[in-house]
Amino acid sequence: MAWEYSEKTKQLFMDAVHGKPGTHLGEIEDPDGLGEHGSIACGDAIRFTFRVNRHPTDPTQDIITAARYLTFGCTSAIAASEALCALIEQGGLTPIAALKIKNSDIVQYLEGLPKQKIHCSVMGAEALEAAVFNWAQKRGVDLKKLGIELTADDKNDGRIVCKCFSLTEPYLRHKIEELNLRTIPEITNAVKAGGACMSCHHVPGGLQDLLNDIWGAEKDALPILNQPAFLPAALPMASKTPGQPLSSYQYNKKIEKTIDQYVRPLLQRDGGDVELVDIKDNLVYCSLSGACQGCGSAKQTLQMLVERTLKDQVDERIRVIGV
């Protein structure tokens, strides 16, 4: 399916990937705060850095003057990262004050996100928390004395509930309560847990058990057949709207337009390019050229940039094959 993004989300994404002045895609050298969240293996990752104007006597009064990000992910992940940096810089915030930015603030700034993409806003907020923790260590700020409980990475501690994304019970409990998640689909949309193999949905100690324990066992368990995050390639073509399937011509033109508008500009910035060779149902055959041709990361580029963009903008069942 093609996600319905707000015009602001699409504009922020396009401005960022084209390097428009005032955008924040990049990395600050020797930053005052650095935080990371996610992993490329899971499909989304962000490296967030910021610089502060240091207060001469009270580090809690440091002001963030610049924020940057390196985000591996879809349109919403990059736009959400842009929104986070803009909220921080425009607000003239201290690192402590920046922690008040929640994923809901990012979603509001973007004028909405599809429910299945809420995890992108959570990803940015968590990278911010990790960066503030790093800043506090460097500046000798005792966050616990300020009533702030942050750790370097709370996802690595405790029993793993979702093996596909290596998410632990303490982390999931924290997010379920913080984000008021009431159903398994809401958990998946927010933090991706349960979105791949779904085996953690109803097993003992799984997602439904956590929901029952936190909110009360009276909450009925959802049917075990929740909608999967990834659908097989043999399913029918995507639709513009329910009941209006795309014709082969419309489908192919949409793929071509997406490559021209989203993929090609990114590759050309690094001296590369991509050629659309053929389209057969959900299989898209592409060939990299220029600096990308023969590159050791060519396969990763096809899968992580070309394929993910087409999944995001056209149909999540698309598979890209290099030729």
C-alpha atoms as a PDB file:
ATOM      1  CA  MET A   1       0.000   0.000   0.000  1.00  0.00           C
ATOM      2  CA  ALA A   2       1.040   3.616  -0.441  1.00  0.00           C
ATOM      3  CA  TRP A   3       1.071   5.645   2.766  1.00  0.00           C
ATOM      4  CA  GLU A   4      -1.006   8.811   2.960  1.00  0.00           C
ATOM      5  CA  TYR A   5       1.385  11.486   4.223  1.00  0.00           C
ATOM      6  CA  SER A   6       0.558  15.107   4.950  1.00  0.00           C
ATOM      7  CA  GLU A   7       1.926  17.701   2.560  1.00  0.00           C
ATOM      8  CA  LYS A   8       4.192  18.976   5.328  1.00  0.00           C
ATOM      9  CA  THR A   9       5.672  15.525   5.872  1.00  0.00           C
ATOM     10  CA  LYS A  10       6.398  15.114   2.172  1.00  0.00           C
ATOM     11  CA  GLN A  11       7.881  18.605   1.914  1.00  0.00           C
ATOM     12  CA  LEU A  12      10.170  18.112   4.909  1.00  0.00           C
ATOM     13  CA  PHE A  13      11.383  14.841   3.425  1.00  0.00           C
ATOM     14  CA  MET A  14      12.082  16.338   0.004  1.00  0.00           C
ATOM     15  CA  ASP A  15      13.812  19.400   1.472  1.00  0.00           C
ATOM     16  CA  ALA A  16      16.018  17.184   3.613  1.00  0.00           C
ATOM     17  CA  VAL A  17      17.130  14.745   0.915  1.00  0.00           C
ATOM     18  CA  HIS A  18      17.881  17.657  -1.436  1.00  0.00           C
ATOM     19  CA  GLY A  19      19.956  19.408   1.223  1.00  0.00           C
ATOM     20  CA  LYS A  20      17.848  22.568   1.269  1.00  0.00           C
ATOM     21  CA  PRO A  21      19.339  25.301   3.505  1.00  0.00           C
ATOM     22  CA  GLY A  22      17.845  25.179   6.971  1.00  0.00           C
ATOM     23  CA  THR A  23      17.405  21.403   7.017  1.00  0.00           C
ATOM     24  CA  HIS A  24      19.234  19.176   9.469  1.00  0.00           C
ATOM     25  CA  LEU A  25      20.394  16.031   7.697  1.00  0.00           C
ATOM     26  CA  GLY A  26      24.002  15.481   8.741  1.00  0.00           C
ATOM     27  CA  GLU A  27      26.189  15.035  11.795  1.00  0.00           C
ATOM     28  CA  ILE A  28      27.861  17.454  14.208  1.00  0.00           C
ATOM     29  CA  GLU A  29      31.560  16.817  14.728  1.00  0.00           C
ATOM     30  CA  ASP A  30      32.588  16.406  18.362  1.00  0.00           C
ATOM     31  CA  PRO A  31      29.002  16.909  19.570  1.00  0.00           C
ATOM     32  CA  ASP A  32      27.965  17.772  23.096  1.00  0.00           C
ATOM     33  CA  GLY A  33      25.278  15.099  22.914  1.00  0.00           C
ATOM     34  CA  LEU A  34      25.060  11.951  20.804  1.00  0.00           C
ATOM     35  CA  GLY A  35      22.333   9.334  20.798  1.00  0.00           C
ATOM     36  CA  GLU A  36      21.376   6.414  18.603  1.00  0.00           C
ATOM     37  CA  HIS A  37      18.239   4.346  18.287  1.00  0.00           C
ATOM     38  CA  GLY A  38      17.124   1.441  16.129  1.00  0.00           C
ATOM     39  CA  SER A  39      19.168  -0.722  13.824  1.00  0.00           C
ATOM     40  CA  ILE A  40      19.562  -1.158  10.083  1.00  0.00           C
ATOM     41  CA  ALA A  41      18.669  -4.827  10.526  1.00  0.00           C
ATOM     42  CA  CYS A  42      15.256  -3.743  11.804  1.00  0.00           C
ATOM     43  CA  GLY A  43      14.796  -1.289   8.939  1.00  0.00           C
ATOM     44  CA  ASP A  44      15.072   2.019  10.805  1.00  0.00           C
ATOM     45  CA  ALA A  45      17.957   3.695  12.600  1.00  0.00           C
ATOM     46  CA  ILE A  46      18.849   7.224  13.691  1.00  0.00           C
ATOM     47  CA  ARG A  47      22.052   8.846  14.910  1.00  0.00           C
ATOM     48  CA  PHE A  48      21.201  12.158  16.605  1.00  0.00           C
ATOM     49  CA  THR A  49      23.742  14.802  17.633  1.00  0.00           C
ATOM     50  CA  PHE A  50      23.496  18.272  19.134  1.00  0.00           C
ATOM     51  CA  ARG A  51      25.729  21.166  20.153  1.00  0.00           C
ATOM     52  CA  VAL A  52      25.109  23.506  23.076  1.00  0.00           C
ATOM     53  CA  ASN A  53      26.080  26.988  24.101  1.00  0.00           C
ATOM     54  CA  ARG A  54      27.625  26.144  27.456  1.00  0.00           C
ATOM     55  CA  HIS A  55      26.514  28.093  30.494  1.00  0.00           C
ATOM     56  CA  PRO A  56      29.589  29.284  32.453  1.00  0.00           C
ATOM     57  CA  THR A  57      28.408  28.010  35.845  1.00  0.00           C
ATOM     58  CA  ASP A  58      25.267  25.887  35.496  1.00  0.00           C
ATOM     59  CA  PRO A  59      25.322  23.131  32.848  1.00  0.00           C
ATOM     60  CA  THR A  60      21.579  22.586  33.236  1.00  0.00           C
ATOM     61  CA  GLN A  61      21.199  25.995  31.573  1.00  0.00           C
ATOM     62  CA  ASP A  62      23.127  24.971  28.442  1.00  0.00           C
ATOM     63  CA  ILE A  63      21.142  25.899  25.318  1.00  0.00           C
ATOM     64  CA  ILE A  64      21.027  23.621  22.283  1.00  0.00           C
ATOM     65  CA  THR A  65      22.111  25.732  19.315  1.00  0.00           C
ATOM     66  CA  ALA A  66      22.298  23.057  16.603  1.00  0.00           C
ATOM     67  CA  ALA A  67      20.789  19.594  16.110  1.00  0.00           C
ATOM     68  CA  ARG A  68      21.508  17.134  13.316  1.00  0.00           C
ATOM     69  CA  TYR A  69      20.557  13.571  12.412  1.00  0.00           C
ATOM     70  CA  LEU A  70      21.611  10.708  10.202  1.00  0.00           C
ATOM     71  CA  THR A  71      18.515   8.609   9.628  1.00  0.00           C
ATOM     72  CA  PHE A  72      18.228   5.336   7.785  1.00  0.00           C
ATOM     73  CA  GLY A  73      14.561   4.808   7.090  1.00  0.00           C
ATOM     74  CA  CYS A  74      11.483   5.814   5.167  1.00  0.00           C
ATOM     75  CA  THR A  75       9.866   9.152   4.354  1.00  0.00           C
ATOM     76  CA  SER A  76       8.259   9.447   7.781  1.00  0.00           C
ATOM     77  CA  ALA A  77      11.493   8.577   9.617  1.00  0.00           C
ATOM     78  CA  ILE A  78      13.414  11.372   7.881  1.00  0.00           C
ATOM     79  CA  ALA A  79      10.565  13.870   8.212  1.00  0.00           C
ATOM     80  CA  ALA A  80      10.158  13.022  11.902  1.00  0.00           C
ATOM     81  CA  SER A  81      13.887  13.601  12.431  1.00  0.00           C
ATOM     82  CA  GLU A  82      13.567  16.990  10.712  1.00  0.00           C
ATOM     83  CA  ALA A  83      10.624  17.841  12.945  1.00  0.00           C
ATOM     84  CA  LEU A  84      12.570  16.928  16.085  1.00  0.00           C
ATOM     85  CA  CYS A  85      15.518  19.147  15.166  1.00  0.00           C
ATOM     86  CA  ALA A  86      13.222  22.041  14.232  1.00  0.00           C
ATOM     87  CA  LEU A  87      11.292  21.821  17.507  1.00  0.00           C
ATOM     88  CA  ILE A  88      14.526  21.907  19.493  1.00  0.00           C
ATOM     89  CA  GLU A  89      16.231  24.736  17.609  1.00  0.00           C
ATOM     90  CA  GLN A  90      13.161  26.913  17.242  1.00  0.00           C
ATOM     91  CA  GLY A  91      12.398  26.553  20.938  1.00  0.00           C
ATOM     92  CA  GLY A  92      15.888  27.533  22.109  1.00  0.00           C
ATOM     93  CA  LEU A  93      15.708  24.599  24.514  1.00  0.00           C
ATOM     94  CA  THR A  94      18.079  23.264  27.116  1.00  0.00           C
ATOM     95  CA  PRO A  95      18.756  19.519  26.889  1.00  0.00           C
ATOM     96  CA  ILE A  96      16.568  19.007  29.956  1.00  0.00           C
ATOM     97  CA  ALA A  97      13.716  21.002  28.409  1.00  0.00           C
ATOM     98  CA  ALA A  98      14.129  19.118  25.126  1.00  0.00           C
ATOM     99  CA  LEU A  99      13.178  15.911  26.943  1.00  0.00           C
ATOM    100  CA  LYS A 100       9.646  17.260  27.187  1.00  0.00           C
ATOM    101  CA  ILE A 101       9.308  16.763  23.425  1.00  0.00           C
ATOM    102  CA  LYS A 102       7.247  13.613  22.967  1.00  0.00           C
ATOM    103  CA  ASN A 103       6.425  11.604  19.906  1.00  0.00           C
ATOM    104  CA  SER A 104       2.971  13.208  19.882  1.00  0.00           C
ATOM    105  CA  ASP A 105       4.614  16.635  19.458  1.00  0.00           C
ATOM    106  CA  ILE A 106       6.533  15.333  16.462  1.00  0.00           C
ATOM    107  CA  VAL A 107       3.385  13.847  14.927  1.00  0.00           C
ATOM    108  CA  GLN A 108       1.553  17.135  15.463  1.00  0.00           C
ATOM    109  CA  TYR A 109       4.392  19.089  13.832  1.00  0.00           C
ATOM    110  CA  LEU A 110       4.116  16.802  10.812  1.00  0.00           C
ATOM    111  CA  GLU A 111       0.348  17.371  10.694  1.00  0.00           C
ATOM    112  CA  GLY A 112      -0.231  13.688  11.297  1.00  0.00           C
ATOM    113  CA  LEU A 113       1.322  10.326  10.444  1.00  0.00           C
ATOM    114  CA  PRO A 114      -0.235   7.011   9.385  1.00  0.00           C
ATOM    115  CA  LYS A 115      -0.764   4.794  12.445  1.00  0.00           C
ATOM    116  CA  GLN A 116       1.668   2.254  11.014  1.00  0.00           C
ATOM    117  CA  LYS A 117       4.384   4.937  10.976  1.00  0.00           C
ATOM    118  CA  ILE A 118       4.074   6.236  14.543  1.00  0.00           C
ATOM    119  CA  HIS A 119       7.190   4.257  15.472  1.00  0.00           C
ATOM    120  CA  CYS A 120       9.209   6.750  13.402  1.00  0.00           C
ATOM    121  CA  SER A 121       8.310   9.569  15.799  1.00  0.00           C
ATOM    122  CA  VAL A 122       9.099   7.337  18.782  1.00  0.00           C
ATOM    123  CA  MET A 123      12.489   6.558  17.263  1.00  0.00           C
ATOM    124  CA  GLY A 124      13.455  10.246  17.172  1.00  0.00           C
ATOM    125  CA  ALA A 125      12.279  10.906  20.723  1.00  0.00           C
ATOM    126  CA  GLU A 126      14.320   7.975  22.004  1.00  0.00           C
ATOM    127  CA  ALA A 127      17.449   9.059  20.143  1.00  0.00           C
ATOM    128  CA  LEU A 128      17.005  12.444  21.822  1.00  0.00           C
ATOM    129  CA  GLU A 129      16.839  10.785  25.248  1.00  0.00           C
ATOM    130  CA  ALA A 130      20.049   8.886  24.520  1.00  0.00           C
ATOM    131  CA  ALA A 131      21.772  12.109  23.384  1.00  0.00           C
ATOM    132  CA  VAL A 132      20.704  13.965  26.533  1.00  0.00           C
ATOM    133  CA  PHE A 133      22.015  11.089  28.652  1.00  0.00           C
ATOM    134  CA  ASN A 134      25.338  11.397  26.808  1.00  0.00           C
ATOM    135  CA  TRP A 135      25.399  15.185  27.340  1.00  0.00           C
ATOM    136  CA  ALA A 136      24.676  14.755  31.059  1.00  0.00           C
ATOM    137  CA  GLN A 137      27.590  12.369  31.448  1.00  0.00           C
ATOM    138  CA  LYS A 138      29.947  14.793  29.717  1.00  0.00           C
ATOM    139  CA  ARG A 139      28.740  17.805  31.702  1.00  0.00           C
ATOM    140  CA  GLY A 140      28.507  16.080  35.059  1.00  0.00           C
ATOM    141  CA  VAL A 141      24.751  16.563  35.387  1.00  0.00           C
ATOM    142  CA  ASP A 142      23.057  14.170  37.822  1.00  0.00           C
ATOM    143  CA  LEU A 143      19.794  13.444  36.043  1.00  0.00           C
ATOM    144  CA  LYS A 144      18.443  11.352  38.920  1.00  0.00           C
ATOM    145  CA  LYS A 145      18.679  14.339  41.278  1.00  0.00           C
ATOM    146  CA  LEU A 146      16.540  16.227  38.773  1.00  0.00           C
ATOM    147  CA  GLY A 147      13.976  13.429  38.877  1.00  0.00           C
ATOM    148  CA  ILE A 148      14.875  12.177  35.404  1.00  0.00           C
ATOM    149  CA  GLU A 149      15.386   8.460  34.878  1.00  0.00           C
ATOM    150  CA  LEU A 150      17.445   7.821  31.757  1.00  0.00           C
ATOM    151  CA  THR A 151      19.876   5.048  30.924  1.00  0.00           C
ATOM    152  CA  ALA A 152      22.283   4.569  28.067  1.00  0.00           C
ATOM    153  CA  ASP A 153      20.081   1.885  26.513  1.00  0.00           C
ATOM    154  CA  ASP A 154      17.242   0.314  28.459  1.00  0.00           C
ATOM    155  CA  LYS A 155      16.400  -2.008  25.574  1.00  0.00           C
ATOM    156  CA  ASN A 156      19.303  -4.315  26.364  1.00  0.00           C
ATOM    157  CA  ASP A 157      18.246  -5.137  29.908  1.00  0.00           C
ATOM    158  CA  GLY A 158      15.708  -7.797  30.808  1.00  0.00           C
ATOM    159  CA  ARG A 159      13.879 -10.686  29.195  1.00  0.00           C
ATOM    160  CA  ILE A 160      13.444 -10.412  25.429  1.00  0.00           C
ATOM    161  CA  VAL A 161       9.777 -10.504  24.458  1.00  0.00           C
ATOM    162  CA  CYS A 162       9.978  -9.665  20.741  1.00  0.00           C
ATOM    163  CA  LYS A 163      12.894 -11.634  19.313  1.00  0.00           C
ATOM    164  CA  CYS A 164      12.560 -10.172  15.806  1.00  0.00           C
ATOM    165  CA  PHE A 165      13.390  -6.658  17.058  1.00  0.00           C
ATOM    166  CA  SER A 166      15.207  -7.653  20.305  1.00  0.00           C
ATOM    167  CA  LEU A 167      12.805  -5.702  22.519  1.00  0.00           C
ATOM    168  CA  THR A 168      12.802  -6.494  26.212  1.00  0.00           C
ATOM    169  CA  GLU A 169      10.046  -6.662  28.799  1.00  0.00           C
ATOM    170  CA  PRO A 170      11.172  -3.550  30.781  1.00  0.00           C
ATOM    171  CA  TYR A 171      11.386  -1.506  27.594  1.00  0.00           C
ATOM    172  CA  LEU A 172       7.979  -2.647  26.358  1.00  0.00           C
ATOM    173  CA  ARG A 173       6.336  -2.077  29.747  1.00  0.00           C
ATOM    174  CA  HIS A 174       7.748   1.453  29.815  1.00  0.00           C
ATOM    175  CA  LYS A 175       6.497   2.230  26.316  1.00  0.00           C
ATOM    176  CA  ILE A 176       3.067   0.673  26.838  1.00  0.00           C
ATOM    177  CA  GLU A 177       2.530   2.892  29.871  1.00  0.00           C
ATOM    178  CA  GLU A 178       4.185   6.040  28.478  1.00  0.00           C
ATOM    179  CA  LEU A 179       2.310   5.934  25.166  1.00  0.00           C
ATOM    180  CA  ASN A 180      -0.919   4.493  26.600  1.00  0.00           C
ATOM    181  CA  LEU A 181      -0.821   1.536  24.226  1.00  0.00           C
ATOM    182  CA  ARG A 182      -3.907  -0.634  24.666  1.00  0.00           C
ATOM    183  CA  THR A 183      -3.777  -3.212  21.879  1.00  0.00           C
ATOM    184  CA  ILE A 184      -1.177  -5.288  20.080  1.00  0.00           C
ATOM    185  CA  PRO A 185      -1.553  -3.306  16.822  1.00  0.00           C
ATOM    186  CA  GLU A 186      -0.917  -0.110  18.796  1.00  0.00           C
ATOM    187  CA  ILE A 187       2.283  -1.613  20.219  1.00  0.00           C
ATOM    188  CA  THR A 188       3.415  -2.644  16.734  1.00  0.00           C
ATOM    189  CA  ASN A 189       2.689   0.787  15.282  1.00  0.00           C
ATOM    190  CA  ALA A 190       4.554   2.529  18.109  1.00  0.00           C
ATOM    191  CA  VAL A 191       7.660   0.396  18.627  1.00  0.00           C
ATOM    192  CA  LYS A 192       7.400  -2.344  15.930  1.00  0.00           C
ATOM    193  CA  ALA A 193       7.210  -5.185  18.480  1.00  0.00           C
ATOM    194  CA  GLY A 194       5.196  -8.067  17.090  1.00  0.00           C
ATOM    195  CA  GLY A 195       5.293  -6.699  13.563  1.00  0.00           C
ATOM    196  CA  ALA A 196       7.311  -9.441  11.907  1.00  0.00           C
ATOM    197  CA  CYS A 197       6.722 -13.104  12.781  1.00  0.00           C
ATOM    198  CA  MET A 198       3.962 -12.267  15.338  1.00  0.00           C
ATOM    199  CA  SER A 199       4.967 -15.223  17.532  1.00  0.00           C
ATOM    200  CA  CYS A 200       5.194 -12.931  20.580  1.00  0.00           C
ATOM    201  CA  HIS A 201       1.542 -11.849  20.395  1.00  0.00           C
ATOM    202  CA  HIS A 202      -0.174 -14.466  22.556  1.00  0.00           C
ATOM    203  CA  VAL A 203       2.542 -16.707  23.997  1.00  0.00           C
ATOM    204  CA  PRO A 204       2.955 -16.775  27.794  1.00  0.00           C
ATOM    205  CA  GLY A 205       4.747 -13.570  28.766  1.00  0.00           C
ATOM    206  CA  GLY A 206       4.047 -12.096  25.332  1.00  0.00           C
ATOM    207  CA  LEU A 207       2.509  -8.797  24.296  1.00  0.00           C
ATOM    208  CA  GLN A 208      -1.061  -9.635  25.296  1.00  0.00           C
ATOM    209  CA  ASP A 209       0.099 -10.792  28.721  1.00  0.00           C
ATOM    210  CA  LEU A 210       1.951  -7.511  29.207  1.00  0.00           C
ATOM    211  CA  LEU A 211      -1.167  -5.567  28.231  1.00  0.00           C
ATOM    212  CA  ASN A 212      -3.307  -7.609  30.606  1.00  0.00           C
ATOM    213  CA  ASP A 213      -0.853  -7.162  33.448  1.00  0.00           C
ATOM    214  CA  ILE A 214      -0.517  -3.383  32.952  1.00  0.00           C
ATOM    215  CA  TRP A 215      -4.107  -2.445  32.137  1.00  0.00           C
ATOM    216  CA  GLY A 216      -5.988  -5.311  33.722  1.00  0.00           C
ATOM    217  CA  ALA A 217      -6.923  -8.800  32.623  1.00  0.00           C
ATOM    218  CA  GLU A 218     -10.423  -7.653  31.758  1.00  0.00           C
ATOM    219  CA  LYS A 219      -9.034  -6.368  28.476  1.00  0.00           C
ATOM    220  CA  ASP A 220      -9.977  -9.033  25.990  1.00  0.00           C
ATOM    221  CA  ALA A 221      -7.184 -10.600  24.054  1.00  0.00           C
ATOM    222  CA  LEU A 222      -7.192  -9.811  20.374  1.00  0.00           C
ATOM    223  CA  PRO A 223      -7.656 -12.571  17.828  1.00  0.00           C
ATOM    224  CA  ILE A 224      -4.384 -14.234  17.045  1.00  0.00           C
ATOM    225  CA  LEU A 225      -4.622 -13.316  13.370  1.00  0.00           C
ATOM    226  CA  ASN A 226      -3.510  -9.684  13.579  1.00  0.00           C
ATOM    227  CA  GLN A 227      -2.568  -8.005  10.343  1.00  0.00           C
ATOM    228  CA  PRO A 228       1.079  -8.837   9.527  1.00  0.00           C
ATOM    229  CA  ALA A 229       3.617  -6.116   8.874  1.00  0.00           C
ATOM    230  CA  PHE A 230       4.895  -7.804   5.731  1.00  0.00           C
ATOM    231  CA  LEU A 231       2.640  -9.379   3.113  1.00  0.00           C
ATOM    232  CA  PRO A 232       3.612 -11.971   0.499  1.00  0.00           C
ATOM    233  CA  ALA A 233       4.498 -10.781  -2.983  1.00  0.00           C
ATOM    234  CA  ALA A 234       1.800 -12.855  -4.620  1.00  0.00           C
ATOM    235  CA  LEU A 235      -1.032 -10.675  -3.287  1.00  0.00           C
ATOM    236  CA  PRO A 236      -2.942  -8.409  -5.717  1.00  0.00           C
ATOM    237  CA  MET A 237      -1.661  -5.026  -6.801  1.00  0.00           C
ATOM    238  CA  ALA A 238      -2.019  -2.024  -4.501  1.00  0.00           C
ATOM    239  CA  SER A 239      -5.016   0.250  -4.821  1.00  0.00           C
ATOM    240  CA  LYS A 240      -5.309   4.005  -4.998  1.00  0.00           C
ATOM    241  CA  THR A 241      -8.445   3.766  -2.921  1.00  0.00           C
ATOM    242  CA  PRO A 242     -10.500   0.780  -1.769  1.00  0.00           C
ATOM    243  CA  GLY A 243     -12.248  -0.765  -4.746  1.00  0.00           C
ATOM    244  CA  GLN A 244     -10.085   1.015  -7.334  1.00  0.00           C
ATOM    245  CA  PRO A 245      -7.110  -1.193  -8.253  1.00  0.00           C
ATOM    246  CA  LEU A 246      -4.322   0.402 -10.230  1.00  0.00           C
ATOM    247  CA  SER A 247      -3.983  -0.684 -13.818  1.00  0.00           C
ATOM    248  CA  SER A 248      -0.615  -2.102 -14.870  1.00  0.00           C
ATOM    249  CA  TYR A 249       0.142   1.160 -16.642  1.00  0.00           C
ATOM    250  CA  GLN A 250      -0.722   3.281 -13.570  1.00  0.00           C
ATOM    251  CA  TYR A 251       1.256   0.964 -11.317  1.00  0.00           C
ATOM    252  CA  ASN A 252       4.350   1.108 -13.518  1.00  0.00           C
ATOM    253  CA  LYS A 253       4.134   4.892 -13.911  1.00  0.00           C
ATOM    254  CA  LYS A 254       3.905   5.308 -10.159  1.00  0.00           C
ATOM    255  CA  ILE A 255       7.065   3.249  -9.713  1.00  0.00           C
ATOM    256  CA  GLU A 256       8.861   5.336 -12.350  1.00  0.00           C
ATOM    257  CA  LYS A 257       7.732   8.596 -10.732  1.00  0.00           C
ATOM    258  CA  THR A 258       8.831   7.454  -7.284  1.00  0.00           C
ATOM    259  CA  ILE A 259      12.290   6.526  -8.541  1.00  0.00           C
ATOM    260  CA  ASP A 260      12.625   9.859 -10.346  1.00  0.00           C
ATOM    261  CA  GLN A 261      11.434  11.981  -7.424  1.00  0.00           C
ATOM    262  CA  TYR A 262      12.815  10.163  -4.388  1.00  0.00           C
ATOM    263  CA  VAL A 263      15.540   7.664  -5.268  1.00  0.00           C
ATOM    264  CA  ARG A 264      17.470   9.165  -8.164  1.00  0.00           C
ATOM    265  CA  PRO A 265      18.219  12.542  -6.473  1.00  0.00           C
ATOM    266  CA  LEU A 266      19.794  10.757  -3.502  1.00  0.00           C
ATOM    267  CA  LEU A 267      21.998   8.563  -5.684  1.00  0.00           C
ATOM    268  CA  GLN A 268      23.012  11.428  -7.968  1.00  0.00           C
ATOM    269  CA  ARG A 269      24.239  13.459  -4.989  1.00  0.00           C
ATOM    270  CA  ASP A 270      26.928  10.774  -4.564  1.00  0.00           C
ATOM    271  CA  GLY A 271      27.687  10.417  -8.270  1.00  0.00           C
ATOM    272  CA  GLY A 272      25.485   7.394  -8.839  1.00  0.00           C
ATOM    273  CA  ASP A 273      22.212   6.633 -10.576  1.00  0.00           C
ATOM    274  CA  VAL A 274      19.681   3.872 -11.102  1.00  0.00           C
ATOM    275  CA  GLU A 275      18.034   2.500 -14.247  1.00  0.00           C
ATOM    276  CA  LEU A 276      14.603   0.908 -14.156  1.00  0.00           C
ATOM    277  CA  VAL A 277      15.011  -2.169 -16.359  1.00  0.00           C
ATOM    278  CA  ASP A 278      11.694  -3.983 -16.066  1.00  0.00           C
ATOM    279  CA  ILE A 279       8.600  -4.445 -13.901  1.00  0.00           C
ATOM    280  CA  LYS A 280       6.847  -7.790 -13.576  1.00  0.00           C
ATOM    281  CA  ASP A 281       3.963  -7.730 -11.121  1.00  0.00           C
ATOM    282  CA  ASN A 282       5.569  -6.874  -7.768  1.00  0.00           C
ATOM    283  CA  LEU A 283       9.113  -7.528  -8.966  1.00  0.00           C
ATOM    284  CA  VAL A 284      11.080  -4.433  -9.996  1.00  0.00           C
ATOM    285  CA  TYR A 285      14.331  -4.991 -11.869  1.00  0.00           C
ATOM    286  CA  CYS A 286      16.903  -2.203 -11.482  1.00  0.00           C
ATOM    287  CA  SER A 287      20.497  -1.553 -12.438  1.00  0.00           C
ATOM    288  CA  LEU A 288      22.815   0.814 -10.573  1.00  0.00           C
ATOM    289  CA  SER A 289      25.185   3.005 -12.560  1.00  0.00           C
ATOM    290  CA  GLY A 290      27.832   5.658 -12.044  1.00  0.00           C
ATOM    291  CA  ALA A 291      29.591   5.591  -8.684  1.00  0.00           C
ATOM    292  CA  CYS A 292      27.061   3.023  -7.430  1.00  0.00           C
ATOM    293  CA  GLN A 293      27.965   0.456 -10.081  1.00  0.00           C
ATOM    294  CA  GLY A 294      30.219  -2.225  -8.645  1.00  0.00           C
ATOM    295  CA  CYS A 295      30.182  -0.597  -5.203  1.00  0.00           C
ATOM    296  CA  GLY A 296      30.512  -3.007  -2.293  1.00  0.00           C
ATOM    297  CA  SER A 297      27.282  -1.620  -0.881  1.00  0.00           C
ATOM    298  CA  ALA A 298      25.345  -1.935  -4.144  1.00  0.00           C
ATOM    299  CA  LYS A 299      23.124  -4.756  -2.881  1.00  0.00           C
ATOM    300  CA  GLN A 300      22.377  -2.851   0.309  1.00  0.00           C
ATOM    301  CA  THR A 301      21.574   0.279  -1.705  1.00  0.00           C
ATOM    302  CA  LEU A 302      19.054  -1.630  -3.823  1.00  0.00           C
ATOM    303  CA  GLN A 303      17.376  -3.197  -0.812  1.00  0.00           C
ATOM    304  CA  MET A 304      17.602  -0.413   1.745  1.00  0.00           C
ATOM    305  CA  LEU A 305      17.121   2.637  -0.456  1.00  0.00           C
ATOM    306  CA  VAL A 306      15.408   1.642  -3.703  1.00  0.00           C
ATOM    307  CA  GLU A 307      13.227  -1.177  -2.383  1.00  0.00           C
ATOM    308  CA  ARG A 308      12.268   0.516   0.883  1.00  0.00           C
ATOM    309  CA  THR A 309      11.305   3.732  -0.906  1.00  0.00           C
ATOM    310  CA  LEU A 310       9.121   1.859  -3.394  1.00  0.00           C
ATOM    311  CA  LYS A 311       7.518  -0.110  -0.581  1.00  0.00           C
ATOM    312  CA  ASP A 312       6.829   3.094   1.275  1.00  0.00           C
ATOM    313  CA  GLN A 313       5.531   5.155  -1.648  1.00  0.00           C
ATOM    314  CA  VAL A 314       3.907   2.568  -3.918  1.00  0.00           C
ATOM    315  CA  ASP A 315       3.288  -0.930  -2.543  1.00  0.00           C
ATOM    316  CA  GLU A 316       4.802  -2.691   0.456  1.00  0.00           C
ATOM    317  CA  ARG A 317       4.847  -5.976  -1.481  1.00  0.00           C
ATOM    318  CA  ILE A 318       7.410  -4.761  -4.019  1.00  0.00           C
ATOM    319  CA  ARG A 319      10.711  -6.614  -4.289  1.00  0.00           C
ATOM    320  CA  VAL A 320      13.685  -5.023  -6.063  1.00  0.00           C
ATOM    321  CA  ILE A 321      16.072  -7.263  -7.982  1.00  0.00           C
ATOM    322  CA  GLY A 322      19.451  -6.051  -9.205  1.00  0.00           C
ATOM    323  CA  VAL A 323      20.468  -6.835 -12.780  1.00  0.00           C
END
